[in-house]
Amino acid sequence: MNKVLLTGRLTRDPELRSLASGSAVCTFALATSEHRTDKEYHNVVVWDRLAEVCGQYLGKGQQVVIEGRLQTRQWDDDRGMRHWKTEVVATSVEMLSGRRKRDYEAEAGDTAAAAS
């Protein structure tokens, strides 16, 4: 069985892209820790509608629970060097820390503009 369950914080804003096939893909890094000093970083990939949701609502520093599977890709670069990358392909993303800070700032800006 290949199943991963992680709880952590995003280390950067998600990067949302659309492929030529029309599929959406969202990537971000997740920091997890068992103790305050021991941090591990995980590359996360999300596809299709869930990718669009992650790109729209997630932001750096937000705490999430990721459920998915491990996948390792390999490729050769222009110099013929082989590279490997292990990532978590998420099938479920649950936000634990609510909305992003910038969402609150935008909402506060809209309220202030309406009051003027």
C-alpha atoms as a PDB file:
ATOM      1  CA  MET A   1       0.000   0.000   0.000  1.00  0.00           C
ATOM      2  CA  ASN A   2       1.309   3.457  -0.906  1.00  0.00           C
ATOM      3  CA  LYS A   3      -0.412   6.002   1.347  1.00  0.00           C
ATOM      4  CA  VAL A   4       0.919   9.219   2.882  1.00  0.00           C
ATOM      5  CA  LEU A   5      -0.696  11.432   5.528  1.00  0.00           C
ATOM      6  CA  LEU A   6       1.127  14.669   6.412  1.00  0.00           C
ATOM      7  CA  THR A   7       0.322  17.698   8.524  1.00  0.00           C
ATOM      8  CA  GLY A   8       2.478  20.767   8.039  1.00  0.00           C
ATOM      9  CA  ARG A   9       2.829  24.331   6.808  1.00  0.00           C
ATOM     10  CA  LEU A  10       3.363  25.592   3.278  1.00  0.00           C
ATOM     11  CA  THR A  11       6.872  26.978   2.802  1.00  0.00           C
ATOM     12  CA  ARG A  12       5.868  29.111  -0.203  1.00  0.00           C
ATOM     13  CA  ASP A  13       2.775  30.129  -2.133  1.00  0.00           C
ATOM     14  CA  PRO A  14       1.456  27.367  -4.406  1.00  0.00           C
ATOM     15  CA  GLU A  15       2.342  27.486  -8.092  1.00  0.00           C
ATOM     16  CA  LEU A  16      -0.678  26.770 -10.309  1.00  0.00           C
ATOM     17  CA  ARG A  17      -0.161  25.890 -13.991  1.00  0.00           C
ATOM     18  CA  SER A  18      -2.305  24.636 -16.851  1.00  0.00           C
ATOM     19  CA  LEU A  19      -0.883  21.960 -19.109  1.00  0.00           C
ATOM     20  CA  ALA A  20      -1.393  21.819 -22.879  1.00  0.00           C
ATOM     21  CA  SER A  21      -3.915  19.017 -22.268  1.00  0.00           C
ATOM     22  CA  GLY A  22      -6.023  21.442 -20.210  1.00  0.00           C
ATOM     23  CA  SER A  23      -5.285  19.765 -16.869  1.00  0.00           C
ATOM     24  CA  ALA A  24      -4.462  21.996 -13.918  1.00  0.00           C
ATOM     25  CA  VAL A  25      -1.466  21.142 -11.733  1.00  0.00           C
ATOM     26  CA  CYS A  26      -0.490  22.869  -8.505  1.00  0.00           C
ATOM     27  CA  THR A  27       2.852  22.399  -6.714  1.00  0.00           C
ATOM     28  CA  PHE A  28       4.055  23.536  -3.315  1.00  0.00           C
ATOM     29  CA  ALA A  29       6.402  22.497  -0.525  1.00  0.00           C
ATOM     30  CA  LEU A  30       5.248  21.393   2.907  1.00  0.00           C
ATOM     31  CA  ALA A  31       7.342  21.568   6.089  1.00  0.00           C
ATOM     32  CA  THR A  32       6.634  18.954   8.745  1.00  0.00           C
ATOM     33  CA  SER A  33       8.301  18.319  12.086  1.00  0.00           C
ATOM     34  CA  GLU A  34       8.155  15.828  14.913  1.00  0.00           C
ATOM     35  CA  HIS A  35      10.018  18.210  17.205  1.00  0.00           C
ATOM     36  CA  ARG A  36      10.513  21.954  16.943  1.00  0.00           C
ATOM     37  CA  THR A  37      14.083  21.615  15.678  1.00  0.00           C
ATOM     38  CA  ASP A  38      13.674  18.717  13.227  1.00  0.00           C
ATOM     39  CA  LYS A  39      12.031  19.880  10.001  1.00  0.00           C
ATOM     40  CA  GLU A  40      11.430  17.809   6.890  1.00  0.00           C
ATOM     41  CA  TYR A  41      10.359  19.269   3.567  1.00  0.00           C
ATOM     42  CA  HIS A  42       8.049  17.519   1.122  1.00  0.00           C
ATOM     43  CA  ASN A  43       7.233  18.431  -2.473  1.00  0.00           C
ATOM     44  CA  VAL A  44       3.487  18.159  -3.093  1.00  0.00           C
ATOM     45  CA  VAL A  45       1.688  17.901  -6.447  1.00  0.00           C
ATOM     46  CA  VAL A  46      -2.083  18.293  -6.823  1.00  0.00           C
ATOM     47  CA  TRP A  47      -4.070  17.748 -10.037  1.00  0.00           C
ATOM     48  CA  ASP A  48      -7.263  18.973 -11.730  1.00  0.00           C
ATOM     49  CA  ARG A  49     -10.037  20.700  -9.717  1.00  0.00           C
ATOM     50  CA  LEU A  50      -8.276  20.203  -6.380  1.00  0.00           C
ATOM     51  CA  ALA A  51      -5.216  21.919  -7.907  1.00  0.00           C
ATOM     52  CA  GLU A  52      -7.338  24.940  -8.832  1.00  0.00           C
ATOM     53  CA  VAL A  53      -8.746  25.135  -5.291  1.00  0.00           C
ATOM     54  CA  CYS A  54      -5.258  24.889  -3.760  1.00  0.00           C
ATOM     55  CA  GLY A  55      -3.928  27.594  -6.079  1.00  0.00           C
ATOM     56  CA  GLN A  56      -6.792  29.899  -5.160  1.00  0.00           C
ATOM     57  CA  TYR A  57      -7.047  29.413  -1.395  1.00  0.00           C
ATOM     58  CA  LEU A  58      -3.668  28.260  -0.066  1.00  0.00           C
ATOM     59  CA  GLY A  59      -0.775  30.540   0.850  1.00  0.00           C
ATOM     60  CA  LYS A  60       2.632  30.465   2.468  1.00  0.00           C
ATOM     61  CA  GLY A  61       2.514  29.586   6.164  1.00  0.00           C
ATOM     62  CA  GLN A  62      -0.919  27.995   6.052  1.00  0.00           C
ATOM     63  CA  GLN A  63      -1.314  24.718   7.927  1.00  0.00           C
ATOM     64  CA  VAL A  64      -2.803  21.812   5.962  1.00  0.00           C
ATOM     65  CA  VAL A  65      -3.354  18.066   6.101  1.00  0.00           C
ATOM     66  CA  ILE A  66      -2.340  16.246   2.926  1.00  0.00           C
ATOM     67  CA  GLU A  67      -3.395  12.728   2.022  1.00  0.00           C
ATOM     68  CA  GLY A  68      -2.015  11.016  -1.035  1.00  0.00           C
ATOM     69  CA  ARG A  69       0.687   8.711  -2.355  1.00  0.00           C
ATOM     70  CA  LEU A  70       4.445   8.846  -2.917  1.00  0.00           C
ATOM     71  CA  GLN A  71       5.727   9.031  -6.466  1.00  0.00           C
ATOM     72  CA  THR A  72       9.327   9.123  -7.717  1.00  0.00           C
ATOM     73  CA  ARG A  73      10.096  10.530 -11.154  1.00  0.00           C
ATOM     74  CA  GLN A  74      13.377  10.311 -13.029  1.00  0.00           C
ATOM     75  CA  TRP A  75      14.730  12.197 -16.030  1.00  0.00           C
ATOM     76  CA  ASP A  76      17.971  12.918 -17.848  1.00  0.00           C
ATOM     77  CA  ASP A  77      19.100  16.533 -18.256  1.00  0.00           C
ATOM     78  CA  ASP A  78      20.871  18.099 -21.259  1.00  0.00           C
ATOM     79  CA  ARG A  79      24.259  16.850 -20.027  1.00  0.00           C
ATOM     80  CA  GLY A  80      23.027  13.276 -19.707  1.00  0.00           C
ATOM     81  CA  MET A  81      22.880  13.378 -15.898  1.00  0.00           C
ATOM     82  CA  ARG A  82      20.074  11.338 -14.355  1.00  0.00           C
ATOM     83  CA  HIS A  83      17.905  13.062 -11.721  1.00  0.00           C
ATOM     84  CA  TRP A  84      15.256  11.707  -9.329  1.00  0.00           C
ATOM     85  CA  LYS A  85      12.518  13.552  -7.489  1.00  0.00           C
ATOM     86  CA  THR A  86      10.171  12.072  -4.911  1.00  0.00           C
ATOM     87  CA  GLU A  87       6.902  13.919  -4.356  1.00  0.00           C
ATOM     88  CA  VAL A  88       3.566  13.451  -2.652  1.00  0.00           C
ATOM     89  CA  VAL A  89       0.702  13.309  -5.151  1.00  0.00           C
ATOM     90  CA  ALA A  90      -2.170  14.623  -3.032  1.00  0.00           C
ATOM     91  CA  THR A  91      -5.686  13.257  -3.357  1.00  0.00           C
ATOM     92  CA  SER A  92      -7.041  15.249  -0.412  1.00  0.00           C
ATOM     93  CA  VAL A  93      -6.048  18.626   1.063  1.00  0.00           C
ATOM     94  CA  GLU A  94      -7.656  19.972   4.228  1.00  0.00           C
ATOM     95  CA  MET A  95      -6.983  23.533   5.397  1.00  0.00           C
ATOM     96  CA  LEU A  96      -6.440  23.790   9.148  1.00  0.00           C
ATOM     97  CA  SER A  97      -5.549  27.456   9.521  1.00  0.00           C
ATOM     98  CA  GLY A  98      -8.453  29.131   7.753  1.00  0.00           C
ATOM     99  CA  ARG A  99      -8.154  31.776   5.075  1.00  0.00           C
ATOM    100  CA  ARG A 100      -4.923  33.402   3.956  1.00  0.00           C
ATOM    101  CA  LYS A 101      -3.800  36.646   5.507  1.00  0.00           C
ATOM    102  CA  ARG A 102      -4.088  38.477   2.168  1.00  0.00           C
ATOM    103  CA  ASP A 103      -7.752  37.412   1.898  1.00  0.00           C
ATOM    104  CA  TYR A 104      -8.469  39.188   5.162  1.00  0.00           C
ATOM    105  CA  GLU A 105      -6.505  42.247   3.987  1.00  0.00           C
ATOM    106  CA  ALA A 106      -8.446  42.355   0.717  1.00  0.00           C
ATOM    107  CA  GLU A 107     -11.736  42.063   2.599  1.00  0.00           C
ATOM    108  CA  ALA A 108     -10.701  44.865   4.963  1.00  0.00           C
ATOM    109  CA  GLY A 109      -9.724  47.018   1.968  1.00  0.00           C
ATOM    110  CA  ASP A 110     -13.118  46.431   0.314  1.00  0.00           C
ATOM    111  CA  THR A 111     -14.913  47.390   3.538  1.00  0.00           C
ATOM    112  CA  ALA A 112     -12.862  50.570   3.907  1.00  0.00           C
ATOM    113  CA  ALA A 113     -13.498  51.532   0.277  1.00  0.00           C
ATOM    114  CA  ALA A 114     -17.251  50.982   0.689  1.00  0.00           C
ATOM    115  CA  ALA A 115     -17.303  53.159   3.819  1.00  0.00           C
ATOM    116  CA  SER A 116     -15.693  56.154   2.015  1.00  0.00           C
END
